[in-house]
Protein backbone atom coordinates (compact mmCIF):
# COMPACT_ATOMS: atom_id res chain seq x y z
CA MET A 1 132.91 134.73 97.76
CA ASP A 2 130.27 134.47 100.49
CA LEU A 3 129.18 137.03 103.06
CA ILE A 4 131.61 135.78 105.72
CA GLU A 5 134.54 135.95 103.32
CA VAL A 6 133.63 139.53 102.42
CA ALA A 7 133.63 140.53 106.10
CA LYS A 8 137.01 138.83 106.59
CA THR A 9 138.62 141.13 104.01
CA PHE A 10 138.22 144.06 106.43
CA ASP A 11 140.06 144.84 109.65
CA SER A 12 136.91 146.01 111.43
CA ASP A 13 134.96 143.76 113.76
CA PHE A 14 131.60 142.66 112.33
CA ASN A 15 128.72 141.36 114.44
CA LEU A 16 125.48 139.70 113.38
CA THR A 17 122.51 139.81 115.74
CA TYR A 18 119.40 137.67 115.46
CA SER A 19 116.77 136.98 118.10
CA GLY A 20 118.77 138.62 120.87
CA LYS A 21 121.96 136.66 120.17
CA THR A 22 125.09 138.26 118.69
CA VAL A 23 127.94 136.46 116.95
CA ASN A 24 131.06 137.38 115.00
CA LEU A 25 130.08 137.68 111.32
CA LYS A 26 133.56 136.41 110.40
CA SER A 27 132.82 133.07 112.10
CA MET A 28 130.98 130.49 110.00
CA MET A 29 130.23 128.39 113.10
CA GLY A 30 128.90 131.44 114.93
CA VAL A 31 126.61 132.45 112.08
CA LEU A 32 125.33 128.89 111.60
CA SER A 33 124.72 128.54 115.34
CA LEU A 34 122.01 131.21 115.10
CA GLY A 35 119.82 129.08 112.83
CA ILE A 36 118.53 132.12 110.97
CA PRO A 37 115.41 131.31 108.91
CA THR A 38 114.55 132.80 105.54
CA LYS A 39 113.26 136.39 105.68
CA ALA A 40 114.34 136.83 109.31
CA LYS A 41 115.20 140.28 110.63
CA ILE A 42 118.89 140.60 111.44
CA VAL A 43 121.23 143.41 112.42
CA ILE A 44 124.81 143.67 111.19
CA THR A 45 127.20 146.12 112.82
CA ALA A 46 130.85 146.96 112.29
CA ASP A 47 133.41 148.70 114.44
CA GLY A 48 136.84 149.76 113.24
CA GLU A 49 138.80 151.98 110.89
CA ASP A 50 137.23 150.57 107.72
CA GLU A 51 133.72 150.01 109.10
CA GLU A 52 131.93 152.24 106.57
CA THR A 53 133.57 150.58 103.58
CA GLY A 54 133.02 147.18 105.15
CA ILE A 55 129.32 147.70 105.80
CA LYS A 56 128.86 148.90 102.21
CA ALA A 57 130.64 145.80 100.88
CA VAL A 58 128.58 143.47 103.10
CA HIS A 59 125.39 145.24 101.99
CA GLU A 60 126.32 144.87 98.31
CA LYS A 61 127.12 141.18 98.82
CA MET A 62 123.79 140.64 100.51
CA LYS A 63 122.06 142.23 97.50
CA GLU A 64 124.14 140.09 95.12
CA LEU A 65 123.19 136.92 97.02
CA GLY A 66 119.50 137.89 97.04
CA ILE A 67 119.37 138.16 100.82
CA ILE A 68 117.99 141.70 100.54
CA GLY A 69 116.25 143.53 97.70
């Protein structure tokens, strides 16, 4: 399961921001459109009833994938 699939398991809205542009984290095309390079600084936000659980799951997946330490 990739990061986008993890976000899709939650009802909350997830956004990914890079270089002043924000896209839906649940959209593969949106995420790819940002052209995020390795070691770039990004911001992920969530809004909804399960946002806390969702952010924790996304964070854990990012650690698992080696995106963050």
